[in-house]
Amino acid sequence: MAIRQKLPRFEAQESRWEETGIFAASDWRYDALVDYLKLSPSYKLVCEWAKKGTKAIPKNAPKDWKLLVKAYEDFGDVWRIPESRWWDSRGKALFGIKAAKAQTFILSNSGDASLINGNISAKSQKMWQDMGNPECLVLAIPTNQTKQMALKQINAIVRAGNFVSTKPRLIKPKYELIRSKLREPTIKLGIMALKMYQSGYHLWMIGNQLDLSPAHHIKLDDEGNPDANELNLADKKIRLQILASKLVAKAELIAENAARGLYPTDATCRHAIKFESKTRKVGRPSKAR
């Protein structure tokens, strides 16, 4: 029986303010970004163009060519550097901020004679400055009440407050991970599915090897062909093909959007370059339903 292909592992990348002067929250999707850029036909085209050193725009360049060039100038040639080194040399500066992580902290513990304790206040001032001097709501919480009462009061105050700052001093990274409905398995499996698809695997084989539907899994012999005793083979192939097709379509869009600095998202990409497959004609990816 053929062995199913193992799923890829992604290393979580991060940047600590105390060590690098840049803060970026730990996330494995930074690692997957490099894989999607490598799979994107648009990003491959702009990389090849940059290597030639010519100013002439390729004849097959998408209409949003300037957007691709901008992304390439920021992300660089991802084929020439490992993911971990890419993060250290480029990624953390693009997705991180030059400030400490915004977090709640203790401003002071009141003394017998005053509300503000000088020693703790000095440390709090330093923490606030490291975070880029964000607007803060300063509260005094009497400790001669129950925690339940204090939390109830804090919750009411927070709900009534305005926590959306629009002032110029708000520190934001150059690129941010997009909040999408894409699930973790979709992003991870999408890379494997797209690689297999571009290598010429049939869709049902992709669905079967990635185990997209355990209930429709097809047993294969040593040569990779369906087992002679497999029941409902046609129905299983159809189901696996449908699931793999949807996954590949999403992966194509994630890759092409990533090439334009939008990640991770499977939103419609109007100027996406067509993907090539050895098993069927190419076609412009559209929004997967």
Protein backbone atom coordinates (compact mmCIF):
# COMPACT_ATOMS: atom_id res chain seq x y z
CA MET A 1 0.00 0.00 0.00
CA ALA A 2 1.30 3.45 -0.87
CA ILE A 3 2.29 5.63 2.10
CA ARG A 4 0.45 8.92 2.50
CA GLN A 5 2.61 12.02 2.23
CA LYS A 6 3.46 13.67 5.54
CA LEU A 7 2.09 17.13 6.21
CA PRO A 8 4.55 20.02 6.35
CA ARG A 9 5.70 21.46 9.65
CA PHE A 10 6.04 25.16 10.15
CA GLU A 11 8.27 26.83 12.69
CA ALA A 12 6.73 29.66 14.65
CA GLN A 13 8.63 32.90 14.12
CA GLU A 14 8.67 35.86 16.47
CA SER A 15 10.69 38.88 17.51
CA ARG A 16 11.19 40.03 21.08
CA TRP A 17 11.47 43.72 21.83
CA GLU A 18 14.00 43.14 24.60
CA GLU A 19 16.39 41.35 22.22
CA THR A 20 15.94 43.01 18.82
CA GLY A 21 14.14 46.31 19.41
CA ILE A 22 11.26 44.94 17.31
CA PHE A 23 8.14 43.18 18.52
CA ALA A 24 6.29 40.59 16.43
CA ALA A 25 3.94 38.04 17.96
CA SER A 26 4.85 34.37 17.51
CA ASP A 27 3.08 32.84 14.49
CA TRP A 28 3.73 29.85 12.19
CA ARG A 29 2.04 31.60 9.24
CA TYR A 30 5.16 33.68 8.60
CA ASP A 31 6.95 30.45 7.71
CA ALA A 32 4.14 29.37 5.39
CA LEU A 33 4.21 32.76 3.65
CA VAL A 34 7.58 31.97 2.09
CA ASP A 35 6.21 28.70 0.68
CA TYR A 36 3.25 30.47 -0.89
CA LEU A 37 5.49 33.13 -2.45
CA LYS A 38 7.59 30.38 -4.02
CA LEU A 39 4.45 28.80 -5.49
CA SER A 40 3.09 32.04 -6.97
CA PRO A 41 3.57 32.45 -10.75
CA SER A 42 3.31 36.22 -10.31
CA TYR A 43 6.09 36.31 -7.73
CA LYS A 44 8.26 34.01 -9.82
CA LEU A 45 7.83 36.34 -12.79
CA VAL A 46 8.84 39.45 -10.86
CA CYS A 47 11.86 37.65 -9.36
CA GLU A 48 13.08 36.56 -12.80
CA TRP A 49 12.57 40.11 -14.06
CA ALA A 50 14.60 41.54 -11.17
CA LYS A 51 17.49 39.11 -11.79
CA LYS A 52 17.79 40.28 -15.41
CA GLY A 53 18.19 43.86 -14.24
CA THR A 54 16.15 45.26 -17.08
CA LYS A 55 13.69 48.14 -16.86
CA ALA A 56 11.47 46.76 -19.60
CA ILE A 57 8.29 45.30 -18.12
CA PRO A 58 7.58 41.69 -19.23
CA LYS A 59 4.99 41.36 -21.98
CA ASN A 60 2.96 38.93 -19.85
CA ALA A 61 3.10 41.13 -16.74
CA PRO A 62 -0.22 41.54 -14.89
CA LYS A 63 -1.89 44.94 -14.84
CA ASP A 64 -1.00 45.36 -11.16
CA TRP A 65 2.72 44.97 -11.93
CA LYS A 66 3.73 47.88 -9.69
CA LEU A 67 2.13 46.11 -6.73
CA LEU A 68 4.17 42.97 -7.44
CA VAL A 69 7.39 44.97 -7.72
CA LYS A 70 6.68 46.68 -4.40
CA ALA A 71 6.09 43.32 -2.70
CA TYR A 72 9.29 41.94 -4.22
CA GLU A 73 11.31 44.92 -3.01
CA ASP A 74 10.07 44.19 0.51
CA PHE A 75 10.02 40.38 0.60
CA GLY A 76 13.05 39.78 -1.62
CA ASP A 77 14.20 36.65 -3.45
CA VAL A 78 12.75 33.90 -1.26
CA TRP A 79 14.46 31.16 -3.29
CA ARG A 80 17.92 32.21 -2.15
CA ILE A 81 17.41 32.16 1.59
CA PRO A 82 15.97 29.68 4.18
CA GLU A 83 12.71 30.64 5.88
CA SER A 84 14.36 31.20 9.27
CA ARG A 85 17.00 33.52 7.81
CA TRP A 86 14.37 35.31 5.75
CA TRP A 87 12.49 36.10 8.93
CA ASP A 88 15.58 37.51 10.65
CA SER A 89 16.74 39.51 7.64
CA ARG A 90 13.39 40.81 6.35
CA GLY A 91 10.27 39.32 7.91
CA LYS A 92 10.40 40.69 11.43
CA ALA A 93 11.03 44.22 10.18
CA LEU A 94 8.00 43.97 7.86
CA PHE A 95 5.55 42.35 10.27
CA GLY A 96 6.93 43.76 13.52
CA ILE A 97 6.81 47.15 15.23
CA LYS A 98 9.61 49.16 16.82
CA ALA A 99 7.93 49.14 20.18
CA ALA A 100 7.19 46.72 23.00
CA LYS A 101 4.01 44.64 23.00
CA ALA A 102 1.00 46.62 24.21
CA GLN A 103 -0.05 45.15 27.52
CA THR A 104 -1.73 46.08 30.76
CA PHE A 105 0.63 46.75 33.66
CA ILE A 106 0.59 47.94 37.27
CA LEU A 107 1.12 51.67 37.55
CA SER A 108 1.50 51.72 41.30
CA ASN A 109 0.66 50.13 44.63
CA SER A 110 -0.63 52.87 46.94
CA GLY A 111 1.35 53.55 50.11
CA ASP A 112 0.04 54.64 53.46
CA ALA A 113 0.35 58.32 52.64
CA SER A 114 -0.01 58.55 48.86
CA LEU A 115 -1.83 56.90 45.97
CA ILE A 116 1.23 56.76 43.69
CA ASN A 117 4.33 54.79 44.70
CA GLY A 118 7.39 56.48 43.24
CA ASN A 119 9.56 53.40 42.59
CA ILE A 120 6.88 51.43 40.75
CA SER A 121 5.74 54.54 38.92
CA ALA A 122 9.22 55.01 37.40
CA LYS A 123 9.24 51.44 36.06
CA SER A 124 5.71 51.90 34.70
CA GLN A 125 6.79 55.07 32.90
CA LYS A 126 9.58 53.12 31.17
CA MET A 127 7.16 50.36 30.10
CA TRP A 128 4.78 52.96 28.70
CA GLN A 129 7.54 54.64 26.70
CA ASP A 130 8.73 51.27 25.31
CA MET A 131 5.22 50.66 23.99
CA GLY A 132 5.33 53.94 22.07
CA ASN A 133 3.40 56.08 24.57
CA PRO A 134 -0.06 54.69 23.69
CA GLU A 135 -3.16 56.31 25.14
CA CYS A 136 -3.95 54.60 28.45
CA LEU A 137 -6.89 54.45 30.80
CA VAL A 138 -5.51 54.67 34.33
CA LEU A 139 -7.60 53.01 37.03
CA ALA A 140 -7.37 52.81 40.81
CA ILE A 141 -8.67 49.47 42.13
CA PRO A 142 -9.34 49.40 45.87
CA THR A 143 -8.24 46.01 47.22
CA ASN A 144 -10.68 46.07 50.12
CA GLN A 145 -13.36 44.59 47.83
CA THR A 146 -13.79 41.16 46.33
CA LYS A 147 -12.16 40.26 43.02
CA GLN A 148 -15.59 39.61 41.54
CA MET A 149 -16.74 43.13 42.41
CA ALA A 150 -13.52 44.68 41.07
CA LEU A 151 -13.72 42.74 37.78
CA LYS A 152 -17.37 43.72 37.35
CA GLN A 153 -16.51 47.40 37.77
CA ILE A 154 -13.46 47.16 35.48
CA ASN A 155 -15.52 45.44 32.80
CA ALA A 156 -18.11 48.22 32.94
CA ILE A 157 -15.44 50.92 32.64
CA VAL A 158 -13.70 49.16 29.76
CA ARG A 159 -16.96 48.67 27.86
CA ALA A 160 -17.72 52.37 28.19
CA GLY A 161 -14.26 53.42 27.03
CA ASN A 162 -12.91 54.08 23.53
CA PHE A 163 -10.15 51.65 22.58
CA VAL A 164 -9.70 52.66 18.94
CA SER A 165 -6.92 55.20 18.54
CA THR A 166 -6.61 57.13 15.29
CA LYS A 167 -3.73 59.38 16.31
CA PRO A 168 -0.57 59.41 14.13
CA ARG A 169 1.57 58.06 16.97
CA LEU A 170 -0.24 54.71 16.72
CA ILE A 171 2.50 52.27 15.72
CA LYS A 172 1.60 49.76 13.02
CA PRO A 173 3.74 47.28 11.05
CA LYS A 174 4.27 47.68 7.31
CA TYR A 175 2.46 44.37 6.71
CA GLU A 176 -0.09 42.59 8.88
CA LEU A 177 -1.50 39.09 8.79
CA ILE A 178 -5.00 39.39 7.40
CA ARG A 179 -7.87 38.27 9.59
CA SER A 180 -9.60 35.80 7.32
CA LYS A 181 -11.83 32.78 7.78
CA LEU A 182 -9.11 30.46 6.50
CA ARG A 183 -8.57 27.57 8.88
CA GLU A 184 -5.14 26.32 9.87
CA PRO A 185 -5.50 22.98 8.01
CA THR A 186 -6.48 24.84 4.83
CA ILE A 187 -3.35 27.00 4.87
CA LYS A 188 -1.04 24.10 5.67
CA LEU A 189 -2.59 21.51 3.38
CA GLY A 190 -2.98 24.08 0.63
CA ILE A 191 0.78 24.21 0.13
CA MET A 192 1.03 20.45 -0.30
CA ALA A 193 -2.02 20.33 -2.55
CA LEU A 194 -0.72 23.07 -4.84
CA LYS A 195 2.73 21.46 -5.11
CA MET A 196 1.17 18.13 -6.03
CA TYR A 197 -1.22 19.78 -8.48
CA GLN A 198 1.59 21.59 -10.26
CA SER A 199 3.56 18.34 -10.38
CA GLY A 200 0.76 16.65 -12.32
CA TYR A 201 -1.16 14.70 -9.67
CA HIS A 202 -4.81 14.04 -10.44
CA LEU A 203 -7.17 15.85 -8.09
CA TRP A 204 -8.60 12.68 -6.58
CA MET A 205 -5.04 11.51 -5.81
CA ILE A 206 -4.32 14.79 -4.05
CA GLY A 207 -7.48 14.44 -1.96
CA ASN A 208 -6.64 10.85 -1.17
CA GLN A 209 -3.00 11.40 -0.22
CA LEU A 210 -3.79 14.42 1.94
CA ASP A 211 -6.66 12.48 3.53
CA LEU A 212 -9.19 15.24 2.87
CA SER A 213 -12.04 12.81 3.48
CA PRO A 214 -11.15 9.77 5.61
CA ALA A 215 -14.59 8.28 4.86
CA HIS A 216 -13.74 8.22 1.15
CA HIS A 217 -10.11 7.14 1.43
CA ILE A 218 -9.01 4.79 -1.36
CA LYS A 219 -6.60 1.97 -0.64
CA LEU A 220 -3.73 1.87 -3.12
CA ASP A 221 -1.42 -0.96 -4.12
CA ASP A 222 2.38 -0.79 -4.15
CA GLU A 223 2.32 0.90 -7.56
CA GLY A 224 -0.07 3.63 -6.42
CA ASN A 225 -3.14 2.26 -8.17
CA PRO A 226 -6.53 1.71 -6.49
CA ASP A 227 -6.83 -1.68 -4.80
CA ALA A 228 -8.73 -4.21 -6.93
CA ASN A 229 -11.17 -4.86 -4.07
CA GLU A 230 -11.97 -1.19 -3.45
CA LEU A 231 -15.74 -0.56 -3.21
CA ASN A 232 -17.56 2.48 -4.63
CA LEU A 233 -14.36 3.62 -6.32
CA ALA A 234 -16.02 6.06 -8.73
CA ASP A 235 -18.03 7.78 -6.01
CA LYS A 236 -14.97 8.09 -3.79
CA LYS A 237 -12.93 9.61 -6.60
CA ILE A 238 -15.62 12.19 -7.31
CA ARG A 239 -15.81 13.23 -3.67
CA LEU A 240 -12.04 13.46 -3.30
CA GLN A 241 -11.77 15.37 -6.56
CA ILE A 242 -14.29 17.97 -5.40
CA LEU A 243 -12.52 18.53 -2.09
CA ALA A 244 -9.07 18.71 -3.69
CA SER A 245 -10.32 21.12 -6.34
CA LYS A 246 -11.62 23.52 -3.69
CA LEU A 247 -8.39 23.29 -1.71
CA VAL A 248 -6.21 23.90 -4.77
CA ALA A 249 -8.35 26.90 -5.77
CA LYS A 250 -7.95 28.40 -2.31
CA ALA A 251 -4.20 27.73 -2.32
CA GLU A 252 -3.82 29.41 -5.72
CA LEU A 253 -5.53 32.52 -4.42
CA ILE A 254 -3.51 32.55 -1.20
CA ALA A 255 -0.29 32.37 -3.24
CA GLU A 256 -1.26 35.06 -5.73
CA ASN A 257 -2.53 37.40 -3.03
CA ALA A 258 0.67 36.83 -1.03
CA ALA A 259 2.66 37.96 -4.08
CA ARG A 260 0.82 41.27 -3.77
CA GLY A 261 1.46 41.67 -0.04
CA LEU A 262 -1.93 40.32 1.10
CA TYR A 263 -1.67 37.24 3.33
CA PRO A 264 -3.29 34.94 4.25
CA THR A 265 -6.43 35.41 2.19
CA ASP A 266 -8.30 33.58 -0.58
CA ALA A 267 -10.09 36.71 -1.75
CA THR A 268 -10.59 37.08 -5.48
CA CYS A 269 -7.37 38.19 -7.18
CA ARG A 270 -8.32 39.98 -10.41
CA HIS A 271 -4.89 39.93 -12.03
CA ALA A 272 -3.64 36.55 -10.86
CA ILE A 273 -1.39 34.74 -13.32
CA LYS A 274 -2.64 31.36 -14.49
CA PHE A 275 -1.28 28.28 -12.75
CA GLU A 276 0.15 25.44 -14.78
CA SER A 277 -0.64 21.76 -14.29
CA LYS A 278 0.62 18.75 -16.20
CA THR A 279 -2.81 17.10 -16.06
CA ARG A 280 -5.21 19.79 -17.31
CA LYS A 281 -5.37 23.14 -19.03
CA VAL A 282 -4.51 26.16 -16.95
CA GLY A 283 -7.14 28.63 -15.81
CA ARG A 284 -7.35 31.85 -13.87
CA PRO A 285 -8.23 31.05 -10.23
CA SER A 286 -11.53 32.43 -9.00
CA LYS A 287 -13.10 32.73 -5.59
CA ALA A 288 -13.64 29.22 -4.17
CA ARG A 289 -17.18 28.63 -2.98
